[in-house]
Amino acid sequence: MASTTTTKWITPSFIATIVGWALTLSVFIWNFSAKSAAMEFRISSLEEKNSMLEQRMKDADALRTTIQTQLAEIKTDLIWIRNELSTRKDN
């Protein structure tokens, strides 16, 4: 009779190795997803700040245009006043 030795595949060290690899992989996935979420938050924050700055630039441009228009009106009024004064002085 030949003696047959049965080998156990599921040993405590085998289970510990599998659990260790599973934990290692899950930690890598967790770190990657946390880093990805942090970068996504930073990108969305920068996009929001960019849109706010674009709106402020549009508002500043509108204000600059308004000021230029008002200065042109004042200049026209001053020219008219100067002409009126010079015609009154001549009379």
PDB file of N, CA and C in Angstrom:
ATOM      1  N   MET A   1       0.815  -1.165   0.000  1.00  0.00           N
ATOM      2  CA  MET A   1       0.000   0.000   0.000  1.00  0.00           C
ATOM      3  C   MET A   1       0.863   1.232   0.000  1.00  0.00           C
ATOM      4  N   ALA A   2       0.500   2.018  -0.887  1.00  0.00           N
ATOM      5  CA  ALA A   2       1.241   3.284  -0.966  1.00  0.00           C
ATOM      6  C   ALA A   2       0.559   4.290  -0.072  1.00  0.00           C
ATOM      7  N   SER A   3       1.370   4.893   0.642  1.00  0.00           N
ATOM      8  CA  SER A   3       0.817   5.893   1.553  1.00  0.00           C
ATOM      9  C   SER A   3       0.636   7.204   0.783  1.00  0.00           C
ATOM     10  N   THR A   4      -0.531   7.739   0.848  1.00  0.00           N
ATOM     11  CA  THR A   4      -0.801   9.011   0.164  1.00  0.00           C
ATOM     12  C   THR A   4      -0.839  10.117   1.198  1.00  0.00           C
ATOM     13  N   THR A   5      -0.128  11.144   0.854  1.00  0.00           N
ATOM     14  CA  THR A   5      -0.139  12.309   1.745  1.00  0.00           C
ATOM     15  C   THR A   5      -1.050  13.354   1.144  1.00  0.00           C
ATOM     16  N   THR A   6      -1.931  13.801   1.926  1.00  0.00           N
ATOM     17  CA  THR A   6      -2.833  14.850   1.460  1.00  0.00           C
ATOM     18  C   THR A   6      -2.266  16.192   1.904  1.00  0.00           C
ATOM     19  N   THR A   7      -2.197  17.071   0.976  1.00  0.00           N
ATOM     20  CA  THR A   7      -1.695  18.414   1.300  1.00  0.00           C
ATOM     21  C   THR A   7      -2.878  19.344   1.441  1.00  0.00           C
ATOM     22  N   LYS A   8      -2.823  20.108   2.478  1.00  0.00           N
ATOM     23  CA  LYS A   8      -3.901  21.088   2.702  1.00  0.00           C
ATOM     24  C   LYS A   8      -3.542  22.370   1.957  1.00  0.00           C
ATOM     25  N   TRP A   9      -4.456  22.815   1.158  1.00  0.00           N
ATOM     26  CA  TRP A   9      -4.231  24.078   0.450  1.00  0.00           C
ATOM     27  C   TRP A   9      -4.602  25.255   1.340  1.00  0.00           C
ATOM     28  N   ILE A  10      -5.556  25.075   2.153  1.00  0.00           N
ATOM     29  CA  ILE A  10      -6.011  26.182   2.990  1.00  0.00           C
ATOM     30  C   ILE A  10      -5.366  26.027   4.361  1.00  0.00           C
ATOM     31  N   THR A  11      -4.263  26.728   4.493  1.00  0.00           N
ATOM     32  CA  THR A  11      -3.541  26.746   5.763  1.00  0.00           C
ATOM     33  C   THR A  11      -3.653  28.140   6.352  1.00  0.00           C
ATOM     34  N   PRO A  12      -3.380  28.299   7.610  1.00  0.00           N
ATOM     35  CA  PRO A  12      -3.436  29.638   8.202  1.00  0.00           C
ATOM     36  C   PRO A  12      -2.493  30.637   7.517  1.00  0.00           C
ATOM     37  N   SER A  13      -1.334  30.202   7.112  1.00  0.00           N
ATOM     38  CA  SER A  13      -0.418  31.135   6.444  1.00  0.00           C
ATOM     39  C   SER A  13      -0.955  31.524   5.067  1.00  0.00           C
ATOM     40  N   PHE A  14      -1.598  30.577   4.357  1.00  0.00           N
ATOM     41  CA  PHE A  14      -2.199  30.886   3.058  1.00  0.00           C
ATOM     42  C   PHE A  14      -3.329  31.894   3.227  1.00  0.00           C
ATOM     43  N   ILE A  15      -4.173  31.701   4.220  1.00  0.00           N
ATOM     44  CA  ILE A  15      -5.276  32.629   4.493  1.00  0.00           C
ATOM     45  C   ILE A  15      -4.725  34.005   4.869  1.00  0.00           C
ATOM     46  N   ALA A  16      -3.675  34.034   5.685  1.00  0.00           N
ATOM     47  CA  ALA A  16      -3.069  35.304   6.075  1.00  0.00           C
ATOM     48  C   ALA A  16      -2.483  36.030   4.867  1.00  0.00           C
ATOM     49  N   THR A  17      -1.872  35.283   3.961  1.00  0.00           N
ATOM     50  CA  THR A  17      -1.312  35.888   2.745  1.00  0.00           C
ATOM     51  C   THR A  17      -2.416  36.479   1.880  1.00  0.00           C
ATOM     52  N   ILE A  18      -3.498  35.749   1.678  1.00  0.00           N
ATOM     53  CA  ILE A  18      -4.627  36.240   0.870  1.00  0.00           C
ATOM     54  C   ILE A  18      -5.243  37.477   1.514  1.00  0.00           C
ATOM     55  N   VAL A  19      -5.451  37.446   2.822  1.00  0.00           N
ATOM     56  CA  VAL A  19      -6.033  38.597   3.523  1.00  0.00           C
ATOM     57  C   VAL A  19      -5.091  39.795   3.429  1.00  0.00           C
ATOM     58  N   GLY A  20      -3.800  39.545   3.564  1.00  0.00           N
ATOM     59  CA  GLY A  20      -2.822  40.629   3.454  1.00  0.00           C
ATOM     60  C   GLY A  20      -2.837  41.284   2.087  1.00  0.00           C
ATOM     61  N   TRP A  21      -2.879  40.470   1.024  1.00  0.00           N
ATOM     62  CA  TRP A  21      -2.944  41.025  -0.329  1.00  0.00           C
ATOM     63  C   TRP A  21      -4.258  41.769  -0.563  1.00  0.00           C
ATOM     64  N   ALA A  22      -5.338  41.229  -0.047  1.00  0.00           N
ATOM     65  CA  ALA A  22      -6.635  41.901  -0.206  1.00  0.00           C
ATOM     66  C   ALA A  22      -6.625  43.257   0.494  1.00  0.00           C
ATOM     67  N   LEU A  23      -6.065  43.291   1.703  1.00  0.00           N
ATOM     68  CA  LEU A  23      -5.975  44.573   2.418  1.00  0.00           C
ATOM     69  C   LEU A  23      -5.062  45.554   1.689  1.00  0.00           C
ATOM     70  N   THR A  24      -3.953  45.059   1.163  1.00  0.00           N
ATOM     71  CA  THR A  24      -3.030  45.920   0.429  1.00  0.00           C
ATOM     72  C   THR A  24      -3.708  46.518  -0.795  1.00  0.00           C
ATOM     73  N   LEU A  25      -4.390  45.682  -1.558  1.00  0.00           N
ATOM     74  CA  LEU A  25      -5.098  46.180  -2.748  1.00  0.00           C
ATOM     75  C   LEU A  25      -6.199  47.167  -2.371  1.00  0.00           C
ATOM     76  N   SER A  26      -6.931  46.870  -1.316  1.00  0.00           N
ATOM     77  CA  SER A  26      -8.014  47.784  -0.917  1.00  0.00           C
ATOM     78  C   SER A  26      -7.441  49.121  -0.439  1.00  0.00           C
ATOM     79  N   VAL A  27      -6.281  49.111   0.227  1.00  0.00           N
ATOM     80  CA  VAL A  27      -5.663  50.369   0.656  1.00  0.00           C
ATOM     81  C   VAL A  27      -5.216  51.171  -0.562  1.00  0.00           C
ATOM     82  N   PHE A  28      -4.622  50.512  -1.560  1.00  0.00           N
ATOM     83  CA  PHE A  28      -4.224  51.219  -2.778  1.00  0.00           C
ATOM     84  C   PHE A  28      -5.433  51.838  -3.472  1.00  0.00           C
ATOM     85  N   ILE A  29      -6.514  51.081  -3.571  1.00  0.00           N
ATOM     86  CA  ILE A  29      -7.732  51.612  -4.209  1.00  0.00           C
ATOM     87  C   ILE A  29      -8.290  52.779  -3.401  1.00  0.00           C
ATOM     88  N   TRP A  30      -8.297  52.641  -2.083  1.00  0.00           N
ATOM     89  CA  TRP A  30      -8.800  53.714  -1.219  1.00  0.00           C
ATOM     90  C   TRP A  30      -7.963  54.980  -1.392  1.00  0.00           C
ATOM     91  N   ASN A  31      -6.647  54.847  -1.381  1.00  0.00           N
ATOM     92  CA  ASN A  31      -5.769  56.012  -1.547  1.00  0.00           C
ATOM     93  C   ASN A  31      -5.957  56.663  -2.906  1.00  0.00           C
ATOM     94  N   PHE A  32      -6.085  55.849  -3.942  1.00  0.00           N
ATOM     95  CA  PHE A  32      -6.294  56.403  -5.280  1.00  0.00           C
ATOM     96  C   PHE A  32      -7.615  57.162  -5.358  1.00  0.00           C
ATOM     97  N   SER A  33      -8.668  56.593  -4.804  1.00  0.00           N
ATOM     98  CA  SER A  33      -9.978  57.264  -4.879  1.00  0.00           C
ATOM     99  C   SER A  33      -9.988  58.529  -4.017  1.00  0.00           C
ATOM    100  N   ALA A  34      -9.301  58.502  -2.878  1.00  0.00           N
ATOM    101  CA  ALA A  34      -9.245  59.705  -2.037  1.00  0.00           C
ATOM    102  C   ALA A  34      -8.470  60.809  -2.748  1.00  0.00           C
ATOM    103  N   LYS A  35      -7.371  60.450  -3.385  1.00  0.00           N
ATOM    104  CA  LYS A  35      -6.589  61.449  -4.123  1.00  0.00           C
ATOM    105  C   LYS A  35      -7.389  61.986  -5.303  1.00  0.00           C
ATOM    106  N   SER A  36      -8.106  61.099  -5.978  1.00  0.00           N
ATOM    107  CA  SER A  36      -8.931  61.515  -7.112  1.00  0.00           C
ATOM    108  C   SER A  36     -10.040  62.461  -6.654  1.00  0.00           C
ATOM    109  N   ALA A  37     -10.666  62.167  -5.532  1.00  0.00           N
ATOM    110  CA  ALA A  37     -11.731  63.035  -5.014  1.00  0.00           C
ATOM    111  C   ALA A  37     -11.172  64.387  -4.600  1.00  0.00           C
ATOM    112  N   ALA A  38      -9.989  64.395  -3.995  1.00  0.00           N
ATOM    113  CA  ALA A  38      -9.377  65.662  -3.596  1.00  0.00           C
ATOM    114  C   ALA A  38      -9.043  66.504  -4.820  1.00  0.00           C
ATOM    115  N   MET A  39      -8.515  65.886  -5.853  1.00  0.00           N
ATOM    116  CA  MET A  39      -8.184  66.629  -7.073  1.00  0.00           C
ATOM    117  C   MET A  39      -9.457  67.138  -7.753  1.00  0.00           C
ATOM    118  N   GLU A  40     -10.495  66.339  -7.750  1.00  0.00           N
ATOM    119  CA  GLU A  40     -11.769  66.767  -8.339  1.00  0.00           C
ATOM    120  C   GLU A  40     -12.323  67.974  -7.590  1.00  0.00           C
ATOM    121  N   PHE A  41     -12.228  67.955  -6.266  1.00  0.00           N
ATOM    122  CA  PHE A  41     -12.687  69.087  -5.467  1.00  0.00           C
ATOM    123  C   PHE A  41     -11.867  70.332  -5.780  1.00  0.00           C
ATOM    124  N   ARG A  42     -10.554  70.183  -5.882  1.00  0.00           N
ATOM    125  CA  ARG A  42      -9.699  71.330  -6.190  1.00  0.00           C
ATOM    126  C   ARG A  42     -10.010  71.893  -7.569  1.00  0.00           C
ATOM    127  N   ILE A  43     -10.235  71.016  -8.539  1.00  0.00           N
ATOM    128  CA  ILE A  43     -10.548  71.471  -9.897  1.00  0.00           C
ATOM    129  C   ILE A  43     -11.878  72.207  -9.911  1.00  0.00           C
ATOM    130  N   SER A  44     -12.884  71.669  -9.252  1.00  0.00           N
ATOM    131  CA  SER A  44     -14.191  72.341  -9.240  1.00  0.00           C
ATOM    132  C   SER A  44     -14.100  73.673  -8.505  1.00  0.00           C
ATOM    133  N   SER A  45     -13.283  73.742  -7.456  1.00  0.00           N
ATOM    134  CA  SER A  45     -13.096  74.997  -6.735  1.00  0.00           C
ATOM    135  C   SER A  45     -12.420  76.030  -7.629  1.00  0.00           C
ATOM    136  N   LEU A  46     -11.416  75.612  -8.376  1.00  0.00           N
ATOM    137  CA  LEU A  46     -10.736  76.532  -9.293  1.00  0.00           C
ATOM    138  C   LEU A  46     -11.667  76.990 -10.417  1.00  0.00           C
ATOM    139  N   GLU A  47     -12.489  76.090 -10.929  1.00  0.00           N
ATOM    140  CA  GLU A  47     -13.442  76.476 -11.974  1.00  0.00           C
ATOM    141  C   GLU A  47     -14.442  77.492 -11.446  1.00  0.00           C
ATOM    142  N   GLU A  48     -14.890  77.303 -10.209  1.00  0.00           N
ATOM    143  CA  GLU A  48     -15.830  78.246  -9.608  1.00  0.00           C
ATOM    144  C   GLU A  48     -15.179  79.622  -9.434  1.00  0.00           C
ATOM    145  N   LYS A  49     -13.948  79.638  -8.946  1.00  0.00           N
ATOM    146  CA  LYS A  49     -13.237  80.911  -8.785  1.00  0.00           C
ATOM    147  C   LYS A  49     -13.004  81.576 -10.132  1.00  0.00           C
ATOM    148  N   ASN A  50     -12.711  80.763 -11.156  1.00  0.00           N
ATOM    149  CA  ASN A  50     -12.492  81.306 -12.488  1.00  0.00           C
ATOM    150  C   ASN A  50     -13.762  81.966 -13.019  1.00  0.00           C
ATOM    151  N   SER A  51     -14.901  81.330 -12.830  1.00  0.00           N
ATOM    152  CA  SER A  51     -16.159  81.917 -13.315  1.00  0.00           C
ATOM    153  C   SER A  51     -16.490  83.195 -12.538  1.00  0.00           C
ATOM    154  N   MET A  52     -16.177  83.219 -11.230  1.00  0.00           N
ATOM    155  CA  MET A  52     -16.408  84.436 -10.457  1.00  0.00           C
ATOM    156  C   MET A  52     -15.516  85.577 -10.965  1.00  0.00           C
ATOM    157  N   LEU A  53     -14.263  85.269 -11.275  1.00  0.00           N
ATOM    158  CA  LEU A  53     -13.353  86.290 -11.793  1.00  0.00           C
ATOM    159  C   LEU A  53     -13.784  86.775 -13.168  1.00  0.00           C
ATOM    160  N   GLU A  54     -14.281  85.863 -14.004  1.00  0.00           N
ATOM    161  CA  GLU A  54     -14.785  86.274 -15.311  1.00  0.00           C
ATOM    162  C   GLU A  54     -15.965  87.227 -15.161  1.00  0.00           C
ATOM    163  N   GLN A  55     -16.852  86.950 -14.217  1.00  0.00           N
ATOM    164  CA  GLN A  55     -17.991  87.833 -13.985  1.00  0.00           C
ATOM    165  C   GLN A  55     -17.525  89.191 -13.486  1.00  0.00           C
ATOM    166  N   ARG A  56     -16.533  89.209 -12.600  1.00  0.00           N
ATOM    167  CA  ARG A  56     -16.004  90.481 -12.102  1.00  0.00           C
ATOM    168  C   ARG A  56     -15.357  91.276 -13.230  1.00  0.00           C
ATOM    169  N   MET A  57     -14.679  90.569 -14.161  1.00  0.00           N
ATOM    170  CA  MET A  57     -14.076  91.256 -15.309  1.00  0.00           C
ATOM    171  C   MET A  57     -15.165  91.879 -16.196  1.00  0.00           C
ATOM    172  N   LYS A  58     -16.259  91.152 -16.398  1.00  0.00           N
ATOM    173  CA  LYS A  58     -17.358  91.693 -17.203  1.00  0.00           C
ATOM    174  C   LYS A  58     -17.961  92.917 -16.524  1.00  0.00           C
ATOM    175  N   ASP A  59     -18.143  92.839 -15.199  1.00  0.00           N
ATOM    176  CA  ASP A  59     -18.690  93.974 -14.461  1.00  0.00           C
ATOM    177  C   ASP A  59     -17.757  95.171 -14.528  1.00  0.00           C
ATOM    178  N   ALA A  60     -16.453  94.919 -14.398  1.00  0.00           N
ATOM    179  CA  ALA A  60     -15.477  96.011 -14.460  1.00  0.00           C
ATOM    180  C   ALA A  60     -15.465  96.632 -15.847  1.00  0.00           C
ATOM    181  N   ASP A  61     -15.605  95.821 -16.884  1.00  0.00           N
ATOM    182  CA  ASP A  61     -15.633  96.350 -18.244  1.00  0.00           C
ATOM    183  C   ASP A  61     -16.878  97.206 -18.465  1.00  0.00           C
ATOM    184  N   ALA A  62     -18.014  96.757 -17.944  1.00  0.00           N
ATOM    185  CA  ALA A  62     -19.249  97.545 -18.066  1.00  0.00           C
ATOM    186  C   ALA A  62     -19.116  98.866 -17.314  1.00  0.00           C
ATOM    187  N   LEU A  63     -18.504  98.836 -16.142  1.00  0.00           N
ATOM    188  CA  LEU A  63     -18.294 100.054 -15.370  1.00  0.00           C
ATOM    189  C   LEU A  63     -17.348 101.006 -16.102  1.00  0.00           C
ATOM    190  N   ARG A  64     -16.296 100.461 -16.689  1.00  0.00           N
ATOM    191  CA  ARG A  64     -15.352 101.295 -17.445  1.00  0.00           C
ATOM    192  C   ARG A  64     -16.064 101.963 -18.624  1.00  0.00           C
ATOM    193  N   THR A  65     -16.909 101.226 -19.309  1.00  0.00           N
ATOM    194  CA  THR A  65     -17.652 101.789 -20.436  1.00  0.00           C
ATOM    195  C   THR A  65     -18.590 102.899 -19.962  1.00  0.00           C
ATOM    196  N   THR A  66     -19.255 102.682 -18.843  1.00  0.00           N
ATOM    197  CA  THR A  66     -20.153 103.697 -18.285  1.00  0.00           C
ATOM    198  C   THR A  66     -19.376 104.954 -17.913  1.00  0.00           C
ATOM    199  N   ILE A  67     -18.234 104.786 -17.283  1.00  0.00           N
ATOM    200  CA  ILE A  67     -17.417 105.946 -16.895  1.00  0.00           C
ATOM    201  C   ILE A  67     -16.938 106.700 -18.126  1.00  0.00           C
ATOM    202  N   GLN A  68     -16.517 105.988 -19.167  1.00  0.00           N
ATOM    203  CA  GLN A  68     -16.076 106.656 -20.398  1.00  0.00           C
ATOM    204  C   GLN A  68     -17.216 107.442 -21.032  1.00  0.00           C
ATOM    205  N   THR A  69     -18.410 106.877 -21.023  1.00  0.00           N
ATOM    206  CA  THR A  69     -19.568 107.570 -21.588  1.00  0.00           C
ATOM    207  C   THR A  69     -19.868 108.839 -20.802  1.00  0.00           C
ATOM    208  N   GLN A  70     -19.851 108.730 -19.486  1.00  0.00           N
ATOM    209  CA  GLN A  70     -20.132 109.896 -18.659  1.00  0.00           C
ATOM    210  C   GLN A  70     -19.054 110.962 -18.812  1.00  0.00           C
ATOM    211  N   LEU A  71     -17.799 110.563 -18.925  1.00  0.00           N
ATOM    212  CA  LEU A  71     -16.726 111.539 -19.142  1.00  0.00           C
ATOM    213  C   LEU A  71     -16.870 112.229 -20.490  1.00  0.00           C
ATOM    214  N   ALA A  72     -17.302 111.498 -21.509  1.00  0.00           N
ATOM    215  CA  ALA A  72     -17.525 112.100 -22.820  1.00  0.00           C
ATOM    216  C   ALA A  72     -18.652 113.119 -22.741  1.00  0.00           C
ATOM    217  N   GLU A  73     -19.708 112.807 -21.988  1.00  0.00           N
ATOM    218  CA  GLU A  73     -20.801 113.762 -21.817  1.00  0.00           C
ATOM    219  C   GLU A  73     -20.328 115.007 -21.077  1.00  0.00           C
ATOM    220  N   ILE A  74     -19.523 114.827 -20.058  1.00  0.00           N
ATOM    221  CA  ILE A  74     -19.002 115.978 -19.310  1.00  0.00           C
ATOM    222  C   ILE A  74     -18.120 116.836 -20.206  1.00  0.00           C
ATOM    223  N   LYS A  75     -17.293 116.188 -21.021  1.00  0.00           N
ATOM    224  CA  LYS A  75     -16.425 116.931 -21.936  1.00  0.00           C
ATOM    225  C   LYS A  75     -17.261 117.743 -22.922  1.00  0.00           C
ATOM    226  N   THR A  76     -18.319 117.118 -23.436  1.00  0.00           N
ATOM    227  CA  THR A  76     -19.194 117.831 -24.367  1.00  0.00           C
ATOM    228  C   THR A  76     -19.847 119.029 -23.671  1.00  0.00           C
ATOM    229  N   ASP A  77     -20.298 118.836 -22.437  1.00  0.00           N
ATOM    230  CA  ASP A  77     -20.901 119.940 -21.687  1.00  0.00           C
ATOM    231  C   ASP A  77     -19.897 121.055 -21.438  1.00  0.00           C
ATOM    232  N   LEU A  78     -18.667 120.713 -21.108  1.00  0.00           N
ATOM    233  CA  LEU A  78     -17.636 121.735 -20.868  1.00  0.00           C
ATOM    234  C   LEU A  78     -17.311 122.511 -22.140  1.00  0.00           C
ATOM    235  N   ILE A  79     -17.265 121.824 -23.255  1.00  0.00           N
ATOM    236  CA  ILE A  79     -17.022 122.517 -24.536  1.00  0.00           C
ATOM    237  C   ILE A  79     -18.167 123.473 -24.837  1.00  0.00           C
ATOM    238  N   TRP A  80     -19.387 123.038 -24.587  1.00  0.00           N
ATOM    239  CA  TRP A  80     -20.540 123.900 -24.830  1.00  0.00           C
ATOM    240  C   TRP A  80     -20.489 125.122 -23.916  1.00  0.00           C
ATOM    241  N   ILE A  81     -20.162 124.906 -22.635  1.00  0.00           N
ATOM    242  CA  ILE A  81     -20.067 126.030 -21.690  1.00  0.00           C
ATOM    243  C   ILE A  81     -18.976 126.992 -22.130  1.00  0.00           C
ATOM    244  N   ARG A  82     -17.824 126.483 -22.550  1.00  0.00           N
ATOM    245  CA  ARG A  82     -16.745 127.345 -23.012  1.00  0.00           C
ATOM    246  C   ARG A  82     -17.180 128.172 -24.217  1.00  0.00           C
ATOM    247  N   ASN A  83     -17.871 127.537 -25.154  1.00  0.00           N
ATOM    248  CA  ASN A  83     -18.350 128.272 -26.329  1.00  0.00           C
ATOM    249  C   ASN A  83     -19.368 129.331 -25.925  1.00  0.00           C
ATOM    250  N   GLU A  84     -20.256 129.015 -24.991  1.00  0.00           N
ATOM    251  CA  GLU A  84     -21.246 129.992 -24.529  1.00  0.00           C
ATOM    252  C   GLU A  84     -20.571 131.182 -23.861  1.00  0.00           C
ATOM    253  N   LEU A  85     -19.581 130.911 -23.040  1.00  0.00           N
ATOM    254  CA  LEU A  85     -18.871 131.994 -22.354  1.00  0.00           C
ATOM    255  C   LEU A  85     -18.109 132.871 -23.334  1.00  0.00           C
ATOM    256  N   SER A  86     -17.515 132.241 -24.336  1.00  0.00           N
ATOM    257  CA  SER A  86     -16.756 133.035 -25.303  1.00  0.00           C
ATOM    258  C   SER A  86     -17.698 133.878 -26.174  1.00  0.00           C
ATOM    259  N   THR A  87     -18.889 133.362 -26.506  1.00  0.00           N
ATOM    260  CA  THR A  87     -19.835 134.171 -27.288  1.00  0.00           C
ATOM    261  C   THR A  87     -20.422 135.293 -26.453  1.00  0.00           C
ATOM    262  N   ARG A  88     -20.652 135.068 -25.177  1.00  0.00           N
ATOM    263  CA  ARG A  88     -21.164 136.136 -24.295  1.00  0.00           C
ATOM    264  C   ARG A  88     -20.110 137.192 -24.073  1.00  0.00           C
ATOM    265  N   LYS A  89     -18.856 136.765 -24.014  1.00  0.00           N
ATOM    266  CA  LYS A  89     -17.764 137.707 -23.795  1.00  0.00           C
ATOM    267  C   LYS A  89     -17.597 138.608 -25.019  1.00  0.00           C
ATOM    268  N   ASP A  90     -17.778 138.045 -26.204  1.00  0.00           N
ATOM    269  CA  ASP A  90     -17.650 138.815 -27.428  1.00  0.00           C
ATOM    270  C   ASP A  90     -18.795 139.790 -27.604  1.00  0.00           C
ATOM    271  N   ASN A  91     -19.932 139.530 -27.061  1.00  0.00           N
ATOM    272  CA  ASN A  91     -21.099 140.426 -27.210  1.00  0.00           C
ATOM    273  C   ASN A  91     -21.039 141.507 -26.224  1.00  0.00           C
TER     274      ASN A  91
END
